[in-house]
């Protein structure tokens, strides 16, 4: 039985996301954990995607997107991130509220409406969380980055991206002033200065959810 287009898109997006901000390759077991599915189901789906020339995979090895798979992944990610940006700018959504809405809308809006949203917003390059919005041709511009948890003490950089995986953490970081564009200095394992202010303690897992400029 062929997989639905939305299911294919979800797999391709997850593979793309996994290596977008780090270099660890994605394996079927990692993909199963991220999707919350049984490894056997993921293995079967990967075979289908490989048959459609959307992914490249050898048994027990990592999964990578083919050119066709990357083009399809970036197309749906472009939709998702433009919609998130639209909801924040035009409808007053908070950055922790837009992910689920965009998950629904990315499969329903027309290409014409998407183009109108892009033009209305002035062709933004980044979404509210700092993730790059792919261009229509799939190209992405991103400057060098370092995960806050891996930054050396004293490192100062602009916040390039905050993971949207945990809405509660997003709200906590926003209250602390840690938002895209602010300047952060790593002063301890879980402590930072924001925009030159006093040192603040970070919530659990925050250092693994914030990326800074190098």
N, C-alpha and C. Protein backbone atom coordinates (compact mmCIF):
# COMPACT_ATOMS: atom_id res chain seq x y z
N UNK A 1 0.84 -1.20 0.00
CA UNK A 1 0.00 0.00 0.00
C UNK A 1 0.88 1.25 0.00
N UNK A 2 0.69 2.17 -0.97
CA UNK A 2 1.54 3.37 -1.01
C UNK A 2 1.26 4.30 0.16
N UNK A 3 2.33 4.97 0.59
CA UNK A 3 2.19 5.91 1.71
C UNK A 3 1.54 7.19 1.22
N UNK A 4 0.81 7.86 2.11
CA UNK A 4 0.18 9.12 1.75
C UNK A 4 1.24 10.19 1.56
N UNK A 5 0.97 11.21 0.72
CA UNK A 5 1.94 12.28 0.52
C UNK A 5 2.36 12.96 1.82
N UNK A 6 1.42 13.16 2.75
CA UNK A 6 1.76 13.83 4.00
C UNK A 6 2.70 12.97 4.85
N UNK A 7 2.51 11.64 4.81
CA UNK A 7 3.41 10.76 5.55
C UNK A 7 4.81 10.81 4.96
N UNK A 8 4.90 10.77 3.63
CA UNK A 8 6.20 10.89 2.97
C UNK A 8 6.86 12.20 3.36
N UNK A 9 6.11 13.28 3.33
CA UNK A 9 6.66 14.59 3.68
C UNK A 9 7.17 14.61 5.12
N UNK A 10 6.44 13.98 6.04
CA UNK A 10 6.86 13.97 7.44
C UNK A 10 8.19 13.23 7.60
N UNK A 11 8.36 12.13 6.90
CA UNK A 11 9.63 11.40 6.96
C UNK A 11 10.77 12.26 6.41
N UNK A 12 10.55 12.85 5.25
CA UNK A 12 11.61 13.63 4.61
C UNK A 12 11.98 14.85 5.45
N UNK A 13 10.97 15.50 6.04
CA UNK A 13 11.24 16.65 6.92
C UNK A 13 12.08 16.24 8.12
N UNK A 14 11.73 15.11 8.72
CA UNK A 14 12.44 14.67 9.91
C UNK A 14 13.89 14.33 9.59
N UNK A 15 14.12 13.68 8.47
CA UNK A 15 15.50 13.38 8.04
C UNK A 15 16.27 14.68 7.82
N UNK A 16 15.65 15.63 7.15
CA UNK A 16 16.30 16.92 6.88
C UNK A 16 16.61 17.64 8.19
N UNK A 17 15.62 17.70 9.09
CA UNK A 17 15.80 18.42 10.36
C UNK A 17 16.95 17.84 11.17
N UNK A 18 17.12 16.53 11.12
CA UNK A 18 18.07 15.88 12.01
C UNK A 18 19.50 16.40 11.81
N UNK A 19 19.87 16.65 10.58
CA UNK A 19 21.24 17.10 10.31
C UNK A 19 21.32 18.58 9.97
N UNK A 20 20.24 19.30 10.20
CA UNK A 20 20.25 20.73 9.86
C UNK A 20 21.15 21.53 10.79
N UNK A 21 21.17 21.17 12.08
CA UNK A 21 21.94 21.93 13.06
C UNK A 21 22.97 21.08 13.80
N UNK A 22 23.26 19.90 13.28
CA UNK A 22 24.32 19.06 13.85
C UNK A 22 24.72 18.04 12.79
N UNK A 23 25.80 17.32 13.05
CA UNK A 23 26.38 16.47 12.01
C UNK A 23 26.16 14.97 12.22
N UNK A 24 25.56 14.57 13.33
CA UNK A 24 25.33 13.14 13.56
C UNK A 24 24.36 12.60 12.51
N UNK A 25 24.73 11.54 11.78
CA UNK A 25 23.83 11.01 10.75
C UNK A 25 22.58 10.40 11.36
N UNK A 26 21.52 10.34 10.59
CA UNK A 26 20.27 9.75 11.07
C UNK A 26 20.21 8.29 10.61
N UNK A 27 19.89 7.43 11.55
CA UNK A 27 19.74 6.00 11.28
C UNK A 27 18.27 5.62 11.44
N UNK A 28 17.87 4.45 10.97
CA UNK A 28 16.47 4.05 11.15
C UNK A 28 16.02 4.06 12.61
N UNK A 29 16.89 3.66 13.54
CA UNK A 29 16.50 3.65 14.96
C UNK A 29 16.31 5.06 15.48
N UNK A 30 17.18 5.98 15.08
CA UNK A 30 17.02 7.38 15.50
C UNK A 30 15.75 7.97 14.89
N UNK A 31 15.52 7.66 13.63
CA UNK A 31 14.33 8.17 12.95
C UNK A 31 13.06 7.63 13.62
N UNK A 32 13.08 6.35 14.00
CA UNK A 32 11.93 5.76 14.68
C UNK A 32 11.66 6.46 15.99
N UNK A 33 12.72 6.78 16.73
CA UNK A 33 12.56 7.46 18.02
C UNK A 33 12.00 8.87 17.82
N UNK A 34 12.48 9.57 16.80
CA UNK A 34 12.02 10.95 16.57
C UNK A 34 10.58 10.98 16.08
N UNK A 35 10.18 9.96 15.34
CA UNK A 35 8.81 9.91 14.82
C UNK A 35 7.84 9.23 15.79
N UNK A 36 8.41 8.55 16.80
CA UNK A 36 7.56 7.83 17.74
C UNK A 36 6.90 6.61 17.13
N UNK A 37 7.64 5.92 16.25
CA UNK A 37 7.10 4.75 15.55
C UNK A 37 7.95 3.53 15.82
N UNK A 38 7.40 2.37 15.53
CA UNK A 38 8.14 1.13 15.68
C UNK A 38 9.26 1.06 14.64
N UNK A 39 10.45 0.58 15.03
CA UNK A 39 11.56 0.47 14.06
C UNK A 39 11.19 -0.32 12.81
N UNK A 40 10.37 -1.36 12.97
CA UNK A 40 9.99 -2.16 11.80
C UNK A 40 9.17 -1.34 10.80
N UNK A 41 8.30 -0.46 11.32
CA UNK A 41 7.49 0.39 10.44
C UNK A 41 8.37 1.38 9.69
N UNK A 42 9.36 1.93 10.39
CA UNK A 42 10.27 2.90 9.77
C UNK A 42 11.12 2.21 8.70
N UNK A 43 11.61 1.02 9.00
CA UNK A 43 12.43 0.28 8.03
C UNK A 43 11.65 0.03 6.75
N UNK A 44 10.38 -0.36 6.89
CA UNK A 44 9.54 -0.61 5.72
C UNK A 44 9.32 0.66 4.92
N UNK A 45 9.12 1.77 5.62
CA UNK A 45 8.89 3.05 4.94
C UNK A 45 10.16 3.52 4.22
N UNK A 46 11.30 3.32 4.83
CA UNK A 46 12.55 3.73 4.21
C UNK A 46 12.76 2.96 2.90
N UNK A 47 12.37 1.70 2.86
CA UNK A 47 12.46 0.92 1.62
C UNK A 47 11.59 1.55 0.53
N UNK A 48 10.40 2.00 0.91
CA UNK A 48 9.49 2.64 -0.06
C UNK A 48 10.08 3.95 -0.56
N UNK A 49 10.65 4.72 0.36
CA UNK A 49 11.24 6.01 -0.04
C UNK A 49 12.45 5.80 -0.94
N UNK A 50 13.23 4.76 -0.64
CA UNK A 50 14.39 4.46 -1.48
C UNK A 50 13.95 4.04 -2.88
N UNK A 51 12.84 3.29 -2.95
CA UNK A 51 12.33 2.85 -4.24
C UNK A 51 11.85 4.02 -5.08
N UNK A 52 11.46 5.12 -4.41
CA UNK A 52 11.03 6.33 -5.11
C UNK A 52 12.20 7.30 -5.35
N UNK A 53 13.41 6.86 -5.01
CA UNK A 53 14.62 7.67 -5.17
C UNK A 53 14.54 8.97 -4.34
N UNK A 54 13.94 8.87 -3.15
CA UNK A 54 13.87 10.03 -2.26
C UNK A 54 14.91 9.95 -1.16
N UNK A 55 15.36 8.74 -0.82
CA UNK A 55 16.42 8.58 0.18
C UNK A 55 17.42 7.55 -0.32
N UNK A 56 18.61 7.63 0.27
CA UNK A 56 19.66 6.65 0.01
C UNK A 56 19.95 5.95 1.34
N UNK A 57 19.97 4.62 1.31
CA UNK A 57 20.17 3.88 2.56
C UNK A 57 20.69 2.49 2.28
N UNK A 58 21.66 2.05 3.08
CA UNK A 58 22.12 0.67 3.03
C UNK A 58 21.82 0.02 4.38
N UNK A 59 21.62 -1.29 4.44
CA UNK A 59 21.26 -1.95 5.69
C UNK A 59 22.19 -1.59 6.84
N UNK A 60 21.59 -1.22 7.98
CA UNK A 60 22.30 -0.86 9.21
C UNK A 60 23.12 0.44 9.08
N UNK A 61 22.99 1.12 7.96
CA UNK A 61 23.73 2.35 7.77
C UNK A 61 22.84 3.58 7.93
N UNK A 62 23.42 4.77 7.79
CA UNK A 62 22.64 6.00 7.91
C UNK A 62 21.74 6.23 6.70
N UNK A 63 20.79 7.13 6.89
CA UNK A 63 19.85 7.50 5.83
C UNK A 63 20.21 8.90 5.36
N UNK A 64 20.21 9.11 4.08
CA UNK A 64 20.44 10.45 3.54
C UNK A 64 19.42 10.74 2.44
N UNK A 65 19.14 12.00 2.26
CA UNK A 65 18.21 12.41 1.22
C UNK A 65 18.92 12.44 -0.13
N UNK A 66 18.26 11.97 -1.15
CA UNK A 66 18.76 12.16 -2.51
C UNK A 66 18.46 13.61 -2.93
N UNK A 67 18.91 13.99 -4.11
CA UNK A 67 18.61 15.34 -4.59
C UNK A 67 17.10 15.55 -4.67
N UNK A 68 16.38 14.54 -5.15
CA UNK A 68 14.92 14.66 -5.26
C UNK A 68 14.28 14.73 -3.88
N UNK A 69 14.81 13.93 -2.94
CA UNK A 69 14.28 13.95 -1.59
C UNK A 69 14.53 15.28 -0.89
N UNK A 70 15.72 15.82 -1.10
CA UNK A 70 16.03 17.12 -0.48
C UNK A 70 15.15 18.22 -1.07
N UNK A 71 14.92 18.19 -2.37
CA UNK A 71 14.08 19.20 -3.00
C UNK A 71 12.66 19.14 -2.44
N UNK A 72 12.14 17.93 -2.26
CA UNK A 72 10.79 17.81 -1.71
C UNK A 72 10.76 18.22 -0.24
N UNK A 73 11.78 17.84 0.51
CA UNK A 73 11.83 18.21 1.93
C UNK A 73 11.90 19.73 2.10
N UNK A 74 12.76 20.39 1.35
CA UNK A 74 12.89 21.83 1.50
C UNK A 74 11.62 22.57 1.05
N UNK A 75 10.90 21.98 0.10
CA UNK A 75 9.65 22.61 -0.35
C UNK A 75 8.62 22.63 0.77
N UNK A 76 8.47 21.51 1.47
CA UNK A 76 7.47 21.48 2.55
C UNK A 76 7.96 22.25 3.77
N UNK A 77 9.27 22.25 4.02
CA UNK A 77 9.81 23.04 5.12
C UNK A 77 9.65 24.53 4.84
N UNK A 78 9.81 24.92 3.59
CA UNK A 78 9.57 26.32 3.21
C UNK A 78 8.14 26.71 3.54
N UNK A 79 7.19 25.85 3.19
CA UNK A 79 5.78 26.11 3.50
C UNK A 79 5.59 26.27 5.01
N UNK A 80 6.12 25.31 5.76
CA UNK A 80 5.93 25.30 7.21
C UNK A 80 6.47 26.58 7.85
N UNK A 81 7.66 26.96 7.48
CA UNK A 81 8.31 28.10 8.14
C UNK A 81 7.74 29.44 7.68
N UNK A 82 7.30 29.53 6.44
CA UNK A 82 6.62 30.74 6.02
C UNK A 82 5.29 30.90 6.76
N UNK A 83 4.59 29.79 6.94
CA UNK A 83 3.31 29.85 7.67
C UNK A 83 3.55 30.26 9.12
N UNK A 84 4.58 29.70 9.76
CA UNK A 84 4.89 30.09 11.14
C UNK A 84 5.17 31.59 11.23
N UNK A 85 5.95 32.09 10.30
CA UNK A 85 6.28 33.51 10.30
C UNK A 85 5.05 34.36 10.07
N UNK A 86 4.19 33.94 9.19
CA UNK A 86 2.92 34.62 8.89
C UNK A 86 2.04 34.68 10.12
N UNK A 87 1.91 33.57 10.83
CA UNK A 87 1.06 33.53 12.02
C UNK A 87 1.57 34.46 13.11
N UNK A 88 2.88 34.54 13.26
CA UNK A 88 3.45 35.42 14.29
C UNK A 88 3.28 36.89 13.89
N UNK A 89 3.61 37.22 12.65
CA UNK A 89 3.60 38.63 12.23
C UNK A 89 2.20 39.18 12.00
N UNK A 90 1.34 38.38 11.41
CA UNK A 90 0.04 38.89 10.99
C UNK A 90 -1.10 38.58 11.96
N UNK A 91 -0.94 37.55 12.78
CA UNK A 91 -2.05 37.14 13.64
C UNK A 91 -1.72 37.16 15.13
N UNK A 92 -0.51 37.60 15.46
CA UNK A 92 -0.17 37.76 16.86
C UNK A 92 0.08 36.49 17.63
N UNK A 93 0.33 35.39 16.93
CA UNK A 93 0.68 34.15 17.63
C UNK A 93 2.03 34.32 18.31
N UNK A 94 2.20 33.65 19.45
CA UNK A 94 3.51 33.58 20.09
C UNK A 94 4.34 32.50 19.41
N UNK A 95 5.67 32.58 19.56
CA UNK A 95 6.53 31.64 18.84
C UNK A 95 6.38 30.21 19.34
N UNK A 96 5.80 30.03 20.53
CA UNK A 96 5.59 28.68 21.04
C UNK A 96 4.24 28.10 20.62
N UNK A 97 3.45 28.86 19.85
CA UNK A 97 2.10 28.44 19.48
C UNK A 97 1.94 28.05 18.01
N UNK A 98 2.97 28.27 17.21
CA UNK A 98 2.76 28.19 15.76
C UNK A 98 3.06 26.84 15.14
N UNK A 99 3.84 26.01 15.80
CA UNK A 99 4.29 24.77 15.15
C UNK A 99 3.12 23.87 14.75
N UNK A 100 2.24 23.59 15.69
CA UNK A 100 1.13 22.67 15.40
C UNK A 100 0.20 23.23 14.34
N UNK A 101 -0.04 24.55 14.37
CA UNK A 101 -0.89 25.17 13.35
C UNK A 101 -0.26 24.99 11.97
N UNK A 102 1.05 25.24 11.90
CA UNK A 102 1.75 25.13 10.61
C UNK A 102 1.77 23.69 10.11
N UNK A 103 1.83 22.73 11.02
CA UNK A 103 1.81 21.32 10.62
C UNK A 103 0.55 20.99 9.84
N UNK A 104 -0.56 21.59 10.24
CA UNK A 104 -1.84 21.36 9.56
C UNK A 104 -1.90 22.14 8.25
N UNK A 105 -1.56 23.42 8.32
CA UNK A 105 -1.74 24.30 7.16
C UNK A 105 -0.78 23.99 6.02
N UNK A 106 0.40 23.46 6.33
CA UNK A 106 1.39 23.23 5.26
C UNK A 106 0.89 22.24 4.22
N UNK A 107 -0.08 21.41 4.58
CA UNK A 107 -0.61 20.42 3.64
C UNK A 107 -1.86 20.90 2.90
N UNK A 108 -2.34 22.10 3.25
CA UNK A 108 -3.64 22.52 2.72
C UNK A 108 -3.60 23.79 1.87
N UNK A 109 -2.67 24.71 2.13
CA UNK A 109 -2.71 25.96 1.39
C UNK A 109 -2.16 25.77 -0.03
N UNK A 110 -2.63 26.58 -0.95
CA UNK A 110 -2.21 26.48 -2.34
C UNK A 110 -0.86 27.17 -2.55
N UNK A 111 -0.22 26.84 -3.67
CA UNK A 111 1.04 27.50 -4.02
C UNK A 111 0.82 29.00 -4.22
N UNK A 112 -0.33 29.37 -4.76
CA UNK A 112 -0.63 30.78 -4.98
C UNK A 112 -0.70 31.53 -3.65
N UNK A 113 -1.38 30.93 -2.67
CA UNK A 113 -1.47 31.59 -1.37
C UNK A 113 -0.10 31.66 -0.71
N UNK A 114 0.68 30.60 -0.83
CA UNK A 114 2.02 30.61 -0.24
C UNK A 114 2.87 31.73 -0.85
N UNK A 115 2.78 31.90 -2.17
CA UNK A 115 3.53 32.97 -2.82
C UNK A 115 3.06 34.33 -2.34
N UNK A 116 1.76 34.48 -2.11
CA UNK A 116 1.23 35.73 -1.58
C UNK A 116 1.71 36.00 -0.18
N UNK A 117 1.77 34.97 0.66
CA UNK A 117 2.28 35.12 2.02
C UNK A 117 3.74 35.55 1.99
N UNK A 118 4.52 34.91 1.14
CA UNK A 118 5.95 35.23 1.03
C UNK A 118 6.13 36.70 0.63
N UNK A 119 5.35 37.15 -0.37
CA UNK A 119 5.46 38.53 -0.82
C UNK A 119 4.99 39.50 0.26
N UNK A 120 3.90 39.18 0.92
CA UNK A 120 3.36 40.03 1.98
C UNK A 120 4.37 40.23 3.11
N UNK A 121 5.11 39.17 3.41
CA UNK A 121 6.07 39.23 4.51
C UNK A 121 7.42 39.82 4.10
N UNK A 122 7.57 40.13 2.81
CA UNK A 122 8.84 40.70 2.36
C UNK A 122 9.92 39.66 2.13
N UNK A 123 9.51 38.44 1.80
CA UNK A 123 10.44 37.35 1.50
C UNK A 123 11.42 37.10 2.65
N UNK A 124 10.91 36.73 3.82
CA UNK A 124 11.78 36.52 4.99
C UNK A 124 12.73 35.36 4.78
N UNK A 125 13.89 35.44 5.40
CA UNK A 125 14.91 34.39 5.28
C UNK A 125 14.88 33.43 6.46
N UNK A 126 14.27 33.85 7.58
CA UNK A 126 14.27 33.02 8.77
C UNK A 126 12.89 33.05 9.42
N UNK A 127 12.53 31.95 10.07
CA UNK A 127 11.26 31.89 10.77
C UNK A 127 11.42 32.44 12.19
N UNK A 128 10.36 32.48 13.01
CA UNK A 128 10.48 33.08 14.35
C UNK A 128 11.47 32.39 15.28
N UNK A 129 11.82 31.13 14.98
CA UNK A 129 12.75 30.40 15.84
C UNK A 129 14.19 30.49 15.32
N UNK A 130 14.38 31.19 14.19
CA UNK A 130 15.71 31.33 13.63
C UNK A 130 16.07 30.28 12.60
N UNK A 131 15.15 29.37 12.30
CA UNK A 131 15.41 28.38 11.27
C UNK A 131 15.33 29.03 9.89
N UNK A 132 16.25 28.66 9.02
CA UNK A 132 16.28 29.24 7.67
C UNK A 132 15.09 28.79 6.85
N UNK A 133 14.48 29.73 6.15
CA UNK A 133 13.40 29.43 5.22
C UNK A 133 14.02 29.15 3.85
N UNK A 134 13.95 27.92 3.35
CA UNK A 134 14.55 27.63 2.05
C UNK A 134 13.96 28.51 0.95
N UNK A 135 14.80 28.87 0.00
CA UNK A 135 14.33 29.60 -1.17
C UNK A 135 13.52 28.65 -2.05
N UNK A 136 12.76 29.18 -3.02
CA UNK A 136 11.97 28.31 -3.89
C UNK A 136 12.79 27.22 -4.58
N UNK A 137 14.09 27.47 -4.82
CA UNK A 137 14.93 26.45 -5.46
C UNK A 137 15.54 25.48 -4.46
N UNK A 138 15.19 25.63 -3.17
CA UNK A 138 15.68 24.72 -2.14
C UNK A 138 16.97 25.17 -1.48
N UNK A 139 17.58 26.24 -1.97
CA UNK A 139 18.84 26.70 -1.37
C UNK A 139 18.58 27.35 -0.01
N UNK A 140 19.59 27.27 0.85
CA UNK A 140 19.48 27.78 2.22
C UNK A 140 20.73 28.57 2.57
N UNK A 141 20.54 29.72 3.19
CA UNK A 141 21.66 30.52 3.68
C UNK A 141 21.71 30.40 5.20
N UNK A 142 22.87 30.03 5.72
CA UNK A 142 23.01 29.90 7.17
C UNK A 142 24.44 30.23 7.54
N UNK A 143 24.63 31.07 8.57
CA UNK A 143 25.99 31.41 8.97
C UNK A 143 26.54 30.38 9.96
N UNK A 144 27.87 30.34 10.15
CA UNK A 144 28.46 29.37 11.08
C UNK A 144 27.85 29.49 12.48
N UNK A 145 27.70 28.36 13.17
CA UNK A 145 27.00 28.37 14.45
C UNK A 145 27.66 27.42 15.43
N UNK A 146 27.31 27.57 16.69
CA UNK A 146 27.75 26.66 17.74
C UNK A 146 26.59 26.48 18.71
N UNK A 147 26.37 25.25 19.14
CA UNK A 147 25.36 24.97 20.16
C UNK A 147 25.84 25.55 21.48
N UNK A 148 24.96 26.22 22.20
CA UNK A 148 25.34 26.84 23.46
C UNK A 148 25.99 25.82 24.40
N UNK A 149 25.47 24.60 24.45
CA UNK A 149 26.04 23.57 25.33
C UNK A 149 27.47 23.21 24.96
N UNK A 150 27.88 23.51 23.73
CA UNK A 150 29.23 23.17 23.27
C UNK A 150 30.13 24.40 23.15
N UNK A 151 29.60 25.57 23.48
CA UNK A 151 30.38 26.80 23.39
C UNK A 151 31.39 26.87 24.54
N UNK A 152 32.55 27.44 24.27
CA UNK A 152 33.54 27.61 25.33
C UNK A 152 33.10 28.72 26.28
N UNK A 153 33.54 28.64 27.53
CA UNK A 153 33.19 29.69 28.49
C UNK A 153 33.73 31.02 28.00
N UNK A 154 32.90 32.03 28.07
CA UNK A 154 33.28 33.35 27.60
C UNK A 154 32.87 33.62 26.16
N UNK A 155 32.41 32.57 25.47
CA UNK A 155 31.99 32.79 24.07
C UNK A 155 30.78 33.71 24.03
N UNK A 156 30.83 34.67 23.14
CA UNK A 156 29.72 35.60 22.94
C UNK A 156 29.24 35.51 21.50
N UNK A 157 27.95 35.39 21.34
CA UNK A 157 27.39 35.31 20.00
C UNK A 157 25.92 35.68 19.99
N UNK A 158 25.43 35.99 18.81
CA UNK A 158 24.00 36.27 18.65
C UNK A 158 23.22 34.95 18.66
N UNK A 159 22.04 34.99 19.23
CA UNK A 159 21.18 33.81 19.18
C UNK A 159 20.68 33.66 17.75
N UNK A 160 21.10 32.57 17.10
CA UNK A 160 20.69 32.32 15.72
C UNK A 160 19.42 31.49 15.66
N UNK A 161 19.27 30.58 16.63
CA UNK A 161 18.14 29.66 16.57
C UNK A 161 17.82 29.12 17.96
N UNK A 162 16.53 28.96 18.22
CA UNK A 162 16.06 28.30 19.44
C UNK A 162 15.13 27.17 19.00
N UNK A 163 15.39 25.97 19.47
CA UNK A 163 14.59 24.82 19.07
C UNK A 163 13.13 25.02 19.47
N UNK A 164 12.22 24.63 18.58
CA UNK A 164 10.79 24.75 18.88
C UNK A 164 10.19 23.44 19.38
N UNK A 165 11.05 22.49 19.75
CA UNK A 165 10.57 21.16 20.16
C UNK A 165 9.75 21.22 21.45
N UNK A 166 10.11 22.12 22.38
CA UNK A 166 9.45 22.18 23.69
C UNK A 166 8.84 23.57 23.89
N UNK A 167 7.52 23.72 23.70
CA UNK A 167 6.88 25.03 23.86
C UNK A 167 7.10 25.65 25.24
N UNK A 168 7.10 24.84 26.29
CA UNK A 168 7.29 25.37 27.64
C UNK A 168 8.69 25.97 27.78
N UNK A 169 9.69 25.33 27.19
CA UNK A 169 11.04 25.87 27.24
C UNK A 169 11.13 27.16 26.44
N UNK A 170 10.45 27.22 25.32
CA UNK A 170 10.43 28.46 24.53
C UNK A 170 9.90 29.62 25.38
N UNK A 171 8.82 29.38 26.10
CA UNK A 171 8.24 30.44 26.94
C UNK A 171 9.22 30.85 28.04
N UNK A 172 9.90 29.89 28.64
CA UNK A 172 10.85 30.20 29.70
C UNK A 172 12.02 31.02 29.17
N UNK A 173 12.54 30.64 28.00
CA UNK A 173 13.66 31.37 27.42
C UNK A 173 13.26 32.79 27.03
N UNK A 174 12.06 32.93 26.51
CA UNK A 174 11.59 34.27 26.15
C UNK A 174 11.50 35.17 27.38
N UNK A 175 11.03 34.62 28.50
CA UNK A 175 10.95 35.39 29.74
C UNK A 175 12.33 35.83 30.23
N UNK A 176 13.35 35.01 29.92
CA UNK A 176 14.72 35.33 30.32
C UNK A 176 15.41 36.27 29.32
N UNK A 177 14.74 36.60 28.22
CA UNK A 177 15.32 37.48 27.21
C UNK A 177 16.18 36.77 26.20
N UNK A 178 16.10 35.44 26.16
CA UNK A 178 16.89 34.67 25.20
C UNK A 178 16.03 34.41 24.00
N UNK A 179 16.18 35.26 23.01
CA UNK A 179 15.37 35.21 21.80
C UNK A 179 16.28 35.42 20.61
N UNK A 180 15.82 35.07 19.45
CA UNK A 180 16.62 35.21 18.23
C UNK A 180 17.06 36.67 18.07
N UNK A 181 18.36 36.86 17.86
CA UNK A 181 18.90 38.20 17.66
C UNK A 181 19.57 38.80 18.87
N UNK A 182 19.26 38.30 20.06
CA UNK A 182 19.90 38.81 21.27
C UNK A 182 21.33 38.27 21.37
N UNK A 183 22.18 39.00 22.10
CA UNK A 183 23.56 38.59 22.28
C UNK A 183 23.71 37.87 23.61
N UNK A 184 24.33 36.69 23.56
CA UNK A 184 24.46 35.85 24.75
C UNK A 184 25.94 35.52 24.97
N UNK A 185 26.35 35.56 26.23
CA UNK A 185 27.70 35.15 26.61
C UNK A 185 27.61 33.95 27.53
N UNK A 186 28.32 32.89 27.20
CA UNK A 186 28.33 31.68 28.04
C UNK A 186 29.24 31.92 29.23
N UNK A 187 28.66 31.96 30.43
CA UNK A 187 29.43 32.23 31.64
C UNK A 187 29.56 31.00 32.54
N UNK A 188 28.85 29.94 32.23
CA UNK A 188 28.91 28.70 33.01
C UNK A 188 28.26 27.59 32.23
N UNK A 189 28.26 26.40 32.82
CA UNK A 189 27.68 25.26 32.12
C UNK A 189 26.21 25.49 31.78
N UNK A 190 25.46 26.09 32.70
CA UNK A 190 24.05 26.39 32.48
C UNK A 190 23.75 27.82 32.92
N UNK A 191 24.65 28.73 32.55
CA UNK A 191 24.48 30.14 32.93
C UNK A 191 24.97 31.03 31.80
N UNK A 192 24.29 32.14 31.61
CA UNK A 192 24.65 33.07 30.54
C UNK A 192 24.38 34.50 30.97
N UNK A 193 24.97 35.41 30.22
CA UNK A 193 24.59 36.83 30.27
C UNK A 193 23.88 37.14 28.97
N UNK A 194 22.81 37.91 29.05
CA UNK A 194 22.04 38.28 27.87
C UNK A 194 22.19 39.77 27.65
N UNK A 195 22.68 40.15 26.47
CA UNK A 195 22.86 41.57 26.11
C UNK A 195 23.67 42.31 27.17
N UNK A 196 24.68 41.65 27.74
CA UNK A 196 25.56 42.30 28.70
C UNK A 196 24.99 42.47 30.09
N UNK A 197 23.85 41.86 30.37
CA UNK A 197 23.22 41.99 31.67
C UNK A 197 23.82 41.05 32.69
N UNK A 198 23.14 40.91 33.84
CA UNK A 198 23.64 40.02 34.89
C UNK A 198 23.58 38.55 34.46
N UNK A 199 24.36 37.72 35.13
CA UNK A 199 24.35 36.29 34.83
C UNK A 199 23.02 35.68 35.28
N UNK A 200 22.46 34.83 34.44
CA UNK A 200 21.21 34.15 34.78
C UNK A 200 21.38 32.65 34.62
N UNK A 201 20.69 31.89 35.46
CA UNK A 201 20.71 30.44 35.37
C UNK A 201 19.68 29.99 34.34
N UNK A 202 20.04 28.99 33.58
CA UNK A 202 19.17 28.50 32.52
C UNK A 202 18.32 27.33 32.99
N UNK A 203 17.12 27.18 32.43
CA UNK A 203 16.32 25.99 32.71
C UNK A 203 17.02 24.73 32.20
N UNK A 204 16.60 23.59 32.72
CA UNK A 204 17.16 22.32 32.26
C UNK A 204 16.98 22.18 30.75
N UNK A 205 18.00 21.69 30.09
CA UNK A 205 18.01 21.41 28.65
C UNK A 205 18.08 22.66 27.79
N UNK A 206 18.11 23.85 28.38
CA UNK A 206 18.13 25.07 27.56
C UNK A 206 19.40 25.18 26.72
N UNK A 207 20.54 24.82 27.31
CA UNK A 207 21.80 24.96 26.59
C UNK A 207 21.86 24.07 25.35
N UNK A 208 21.02 23.04 25.33
CA UNK A 208 20.98 22.14 24.17
C UNK A 208 19.89 22.53 23.19
N UNK A 209 19.30 23.70 23.40
CA UNK A 209 18.21 24.16 22.53
C UNK A 209 18.49 25.52 21.92
N UNK A 210 19.69 26.07 22.18
CA UNK A 210 20.03 27.42 21.71
C UNK A 210 21.32 27.35 20.90
N UNK A 211 21.29 27.95 19.72
CA UNK A 211 22.47 28.03 18.84
C UNK A 211 22.92 29.47 18.71
N UNK A 212 24.22 29.69 18.80
CA UNK A 212 24.81 31.02 18.72
C UNK A 212 25.68 31.17 17.48
N UNK A 213 25.90 32.41 17.08
CA UNK A 213 26.84 32.68 16.00
C UNK A 213 28.26 32.41 16.52
N UNK A 214 29.13 32.02 15.61
CA UNK A 214 30.52 31.71 15.98
C UNK A 214 31.31 33.00 16.14
